[in-house]
Amino acid sequence: MKYSKLIILSGLLVSILFAGYAFAAPGAEWKVVVPKTLFAEKLRIAAFLDENFGLTGGAGDIGKADHTVDGGKTWFTADSSGG
């Protein structure tokens, strides 16, 4: 009984994951939209708000930040990202 809540929640999570996989669009998959030339700098984070606006944040001393407003077709580097 000590771990009953954990077992129930784990079962629920697995069920949700399987249901999500079952209802996913056939052939749907992720694709990389960031040009490989941007990966010369190490990235710490990459995120998209919607299908057009995305941000990347660099790691290390420089910490460059890039953004796109056209779904990754063009990228712009911020003048300063506070790093």
N, C-alpha and C. Protein backbone atom coordinates (compact mmCIF):
# COMPACT_ATOMS: atom_id res chain seq x y z
N MET A 1 0.81 -1.20 0.00
CA MET A 1 0.00 0.00 0.00
C MET A 1 0.85 1.26 0.00
N LYS A 2 2.10 1.11 0.43
CA LYS A 2 2.96 2.27 0.52
C LYS A 2 3.19 2.91 -0.85
N TYR A 3 3.32 2.11 -1.88
CA TYR A 3 3.62 2.61 -3.21
C TYR A 3 2.42 2.56 -4.15
N SER A 4 1.23 2.41 -3.64
CA SER A 4 0.05 2.26 -4.50
C SER A 4 -0.20 3.52 -5.34
N LYS A 5 -0.04 4.70 -4.76
CA LYS A 5 -0.24 5.93 -5.54
C LYS A 5 0.78 6.02 -6.67
N LEU A 6 2.03 5.67 -6.39
CA LEU A 6 3.07 5.71 -7.40
C LEU A 6 2.78 4.73 -8.54
N ILE A 7 2.33 3.55 -8.19
CA ILE A 7 2.01 2.54 -9.21
C ILE A 7 0.83 2.99 -10.06
N ILE A 8 -0.19 3.54 -9.44
CA ILE A 8 -1.36 4.02 -10.18
C ILE A 8 -0.99 5.17 -11.10
N LEU A 9 -0.24 6.14 -10.60
CA LEU A 9 0.17 7.27 -11.42
C LEU A 9 1.10 6.84 -12.56
N SER A 10 1.98 5.89 -12.30
CA SER A 10 2.86 5.38 -13.35
C SER A 10 2.05 4.68 -14.44
N GLY A 11 1.08 3.89 -14.05
CA GLY A 11 0.21 3.23 -15.01
C GLY A 11 -0.58 4.22 -15.84
N LEU A 12 -1.06 5.28 -15.19
CA LEU A 12 -1.79 6.32 -15.89
C LEU A 12 -0.89 7.03 -16.90
N LEU A 13 0.34 7.35 -16.51
CA LEU A 13 1.28 8.01 -17.41
C LEU A 13 1.59 7.14 -18.62
N VAL A 14 1.84 5.87 -18.40
CA VAL A 14 2.11 4.96 -19.51
C VAL A 14 0.91 4.86 -20.44
N SER A 15 -0.29 4.81 -19.87
CA SER A 15 -1.51 4.76 -20.69
C SER A 15 -1.65 6.01 -21.55
N ILE A 16 -1.36 7.17 -20.98
CA ILE A 16 -1.46 8.43 -21.73
C ILE A 16 -0.43 8.45 -22.86
N LEU A 17 0.78 7.98 -22.58
CA LEU A 17 1.82 7.94 -23.62
C LEU A 17 1.42 7.02 -24.76
N PHE A 18 0.89 5.86 -24.46
CA PHE A 18 0.46 4.94 -25.51
C PHE A 18 -0.71 5.51 -26.30
N ALA A 19 -1.64 6.17 -25.62
CA ALA A 19 -2.78 6.78 -26.31
C ALA A 19 -2.31 7.89 -27.24
N GLY A 20 -1.36 8.70 -26.79
CA GLY A 20 -0.82 9.75 -27.64
C GLY A 20 -0.14 9.19 -28.87
N TYR A 21 0.58 8.10 -28.69
CA TYR A 21 1.24 7.45 -29.82
C TYR A 21 0.21 6.88 -30.79
N ALA A 22 -0.85 6.29 -30.27
CA ALA A 22 -1.87 5.67 -31.11
C ALA A 22 -2.64 6.70 -31.92
N PHE A 23 -2.88 7.89 -31.34
CA PHE A 23 -3.66 8.91 -32.03
C PHE A 23 -2.82 9.90 -32.82
N ALA A 24 -1.51 9.73 -32.82
CA ALA A 24 -0.63 10.64 -33.58
C ALA A 24 -0.92 10.50 -35.07
N ALA A 25 -0.72 11.59 -35.78
CA ALA A 25 -0.96 11.56 -37.23
C ALA A 25 0.00 10.57 -37.88
N PRO A 26 -0.49 9.74 -38.79
CA PRO A 26 0.38 8.78 -39.46
C PRO A 26 1.48 9.49 -40.23
N GLY A 27 2.70 9.05 -40.05
CA GLY A 27 3.84 9.63 -40.74
C GLY A 27 4.32 10.94 -40.16
N ALA A 28 3.71 11.41 -39.05
CA ALA A 28 4.15 12.67 -38.44
C ALA A 28 5.50 12.46 -37.78
N GLU A 29 6.40 13.38 -38.02
CA GLU A 29 7.72 13.29 -37.40
C GLU A 29 8.33 14.67 -37.30
N TRP A 30 9.32 14.79 -36.42
CA TRP A 30 10.04 16.04 -36.25
C TRP A 30 11.01 16.21 -37.40
N LYS A 31 11.27 17.46 -37.76
CA LYS A 31 12.32 17.72 -38.73
C LYS A 31 13.13 18.92 -38.24
N VAL A 32 14.41 18.90 -38.54
CA VAL A 32 15.30 19.96 -38.12
C VAL A 32 15.14 21.13 -39.07
N VAL A 33 14.85 22.32 -38.53
CA VAL A 33 14.69 23.50 -39.36
C VAL A 33 15.82 24.49 -39.16
N VAL A 34 16.70 24.25 -38.19
CA VAL A 34 17.82 25.13 -37.93
C VAL A 34 18.97 24.74 -38.86
N PRO A 35 19.48 25.66 -39.66
CA PRO A 35 20.60 25.32 -40.53
C PRO A 35 21.79 24.83 -39.72
N LYS A 36 22.50 23.86 -40.25
CA LYS A 36 23.62 23.28 -39.52
C LYS A 36 24.72 24.30 -39.24
N THR A 37 24.79 25.37 -40.00
CA THR A 37 25.81 26.39 -39.76
C THR A 37 25.63 27.08 -38.41
N LEU A 38 24.43 27.08 -37.85
CA LEU A 38 24.21 27.69 -36.54
C LEU A 38 24.80 26.85 -35.42
N PHE A 39 25.07 25.59 -35.66
CA PHE A 39 25.56 24.72 -34.62
C PHE A 39 27.07 24.81 -34.42
N ALA A 40 27.73 25.79 -35.06
CA ALA A 40 29.15 26.00 -34.80
C ALA A 40 29.33 26.40 -33.34
N GLU A 41 28.38 27.10 -32.78
CA GLU A 41 28.36 27.44 -31.36
C GLU A 41 27.54 26.38 -30.63
N LYS A 42 27.93 26.05 -29.43
CA LYS A 42 27.15 25.10 -28.64
C LYS A 42 25.84 25.75 -28.23
N LEU A 43 24.77 24.99 -28.35
CA LEU A 43 23.45 25.49 -27.97
C LEU A 43 23.07 24.95 -26.60
N ARG A 44 22.44 25.78 -25.82
CA ARG A 44 21.92 25.34 -24.53
C ARG A 44 20.43 25.07 -24.63
N ILE A 45 19.73 25.85 -25.45
CA ILE A 45 18.28 25.69 -25.55
C ILE A 45 17.81 26.10 -26.95
N ALA A 46 16.79 25.46 -27.41
CA ALA A 46 16.12 25.84 -28.66
C ALA A 46 14.63 25.63 -28.43
N ALA A 47 13.82 26.64 -28.74
CA ALA A 47 12.39 26.54 -28.48
C ALA A 47 11.61 27.35 -29.51
N PHE A 48 10.42 26.86 -29.82
CA PHE A 48 9.52 27.56 -30.72
C PHE A 48 8.24 27.90 -29.99
N LEU A 49 7.78 29.13 -30.15
CA LEU A 49 6.51 29.56 -29.58
C LEU A 49 5.36 29.09 -30.45
N ASP A 50 5.55 29.18 -31.76
CA ASP A 50 4.56 28.70 -32.72
C ASP A 50 5.32 28.27 -33.97
N GLU A 51 4.63 28.10 -35.08
CA GLU A 51 5.29 27.60 -36.29
C GLU A 51 6.22 28.62 -36.93
N ASN A 52 6.21 29.86 -36.47
CA ASN A 52 7.05 30.90 -37.05
C ASN A 52 8.16 31.40 -36.13
N PHE A 53 7.86 31.66 -34.87
CA PHE A 53 8.79 32.31 -33.97
C PHE A 53 9.56 31.30 -33.14
N GLY A 54 10.89 31.34 -33.23
CA GLY A 54 11.73 30.44 -32.45
C GLY A 54 12.97 31.13 -31.93
N LEU A 55 13.54 30.58 -30.85
CA LEU A 55 14.74 31.13 -30.21
C LEU A 55 15.74 30.02 -29.97
N THR A 56 17.02 30.36 -30.03
CA THR A 56 18.08 29.47 -29.59
C THR A 56 18.96 30.25 -28.63
N GLY A 57 19.46 29.58 -27.62
CA GLY A 57 20.36 30.21 -26.66
C GLY A 57 21.65 29.44 -26.60
N GLY A 58 22.77 30.15 -26.65
CA GLY A 58 24.07 29.52 -26.66
C GLY A 58 24.58 29.19 -25.27
N ALA A 59 25.59 28.34 -25.24
CA ALA A 59 26.23 27.96 -23.99
C ALA A 59 27.64 28.54 -23.97
N GLY A 60 28.24 28.57 -22.81
CA GLY A 60 29.62 29.03 -22.71
C GLY A 60 29.72 30.51 -22.41
N ASP A 61 30.89 31.06 -22.66
CA ASP A 61 31.16 32.45 -22.32
C ASP A 61 30.36 33.43 -23.18
N ILE A 62 30.23 33.12 -24.46
CA ILE A 62 29.59 34.06 -25.38
C ILE A 62 28.08 34.07 -25.17
N GLY A 63 27.46 32.91 -25.17
CA GLY A 63 26.02 32.80 -24.95
C GLY A 63 25.19 33.51 -25.98
N LYS A 64 25.54 33.36 -27.25
CA LYS A 64 24.80 34.03 -28.31
C LYS A 64 23.35 33.55 -28.35
N ALA A 65 22.46 34.46 -28.69
CA ALA A 65 21.05 34.13 -28.84
C ALA A 65 20.62 34.45 -30.27
N ASP A 66 19.94 33.51 -30.90
CA ASP A 66 19.43 33.70 -32.25
C ASP A 66 17.92 33.57 -32.23
N HIS A 67 17.27 34.21 -33.19
CA HIS A 67 15.80 34.08 -33.29
C HIS A 67 15.39 34.07 -34.75
N THR A 68 14.23 33.50 -34.99
CA THR A 68 13.64 33.47 -36.32
C THR A 68 12.18 33.87 -36.22
N VAL A 69 11.67 34.47 -37.27
CA VAL A 69 10.26 34.85 -37.31
C VAL A 69 9.56 34.24 -38.52
N ASP A 70 10.30 33.39 -39.26
CA ASP A 70 9.74 32.78 -40.47
C ASP A 70 9.88 31.26 -40.49
N GLY A 71 9.80 30.66 -39.31
CA GLY A 71 9.85 29.21 -39.23
C GLY A 71 11.22 28.60 -39.45
N GLY A 72 12.28 29.38 -39.28
CA GLY A 72 13.63 28.85 -39.39
C GLY A 72 14.29 29.06 -40.75
N LYS A 73 13.62 29.74 -41.66
CA LYS A 73 14.23 29.99 -42.97
C LYS A 73 15.40 30.96 -42.84
N THR A 74 15.24 31.99 -42.01
CA THR A 74 16.32 32.92 -41.74
C THR A 74 16.46 33.09 -40.23
N TRP A 75 17.70 33.29 -39.77
CA TRP A 75 18.00 33.44 -38.35
C TRP A 75 18.75 34.74 -38.14
N PHE A 76 18.50 35.41 -37.01
CA PHE A 76 19.14 36.67 -36.65
C PHE A 76 19.79 36.51 -35.30
N THR A 77 21.01 37.03 -35.15
CA THR A 77 21.72 36.97 -33.88
C THR A 77 21.46 38.25 -33.09
N ALA A 78 21.14 38.09 -31.82
CA ALA A 78 20.88 39.24 -30.95
C ALA A 78 22.20 39.96 -30.67
N ASP A 79 22.14 41.29 -30.55
CA ASP A 79 23.33 42.07 -30.22
C ASP A 79 23.87 41.69 -28.87
N SER A 80 23.01 41.44 -27.92
CA SER A 80 23.43 41.07 -26.57
C SER A 80 22.39 40.14 -25.97
N SER A 81 22.86 39.07 -25.34
CA SER A 81 21.93 38.17 -24.67
C SER A 81 22.19 38.13 -23.17
N GLY A 82 22.91 39.11 -22.69
CA GLY A 82 23.18 39.20 -21.25
C GLY A 82 24.30 38.30 -20.80
N GLY A 83 25.02 37.66 -21.74
CA GLY A 83 26.07 36.72 -21.36
C GLY A 83 27.42 37.28 -21.25
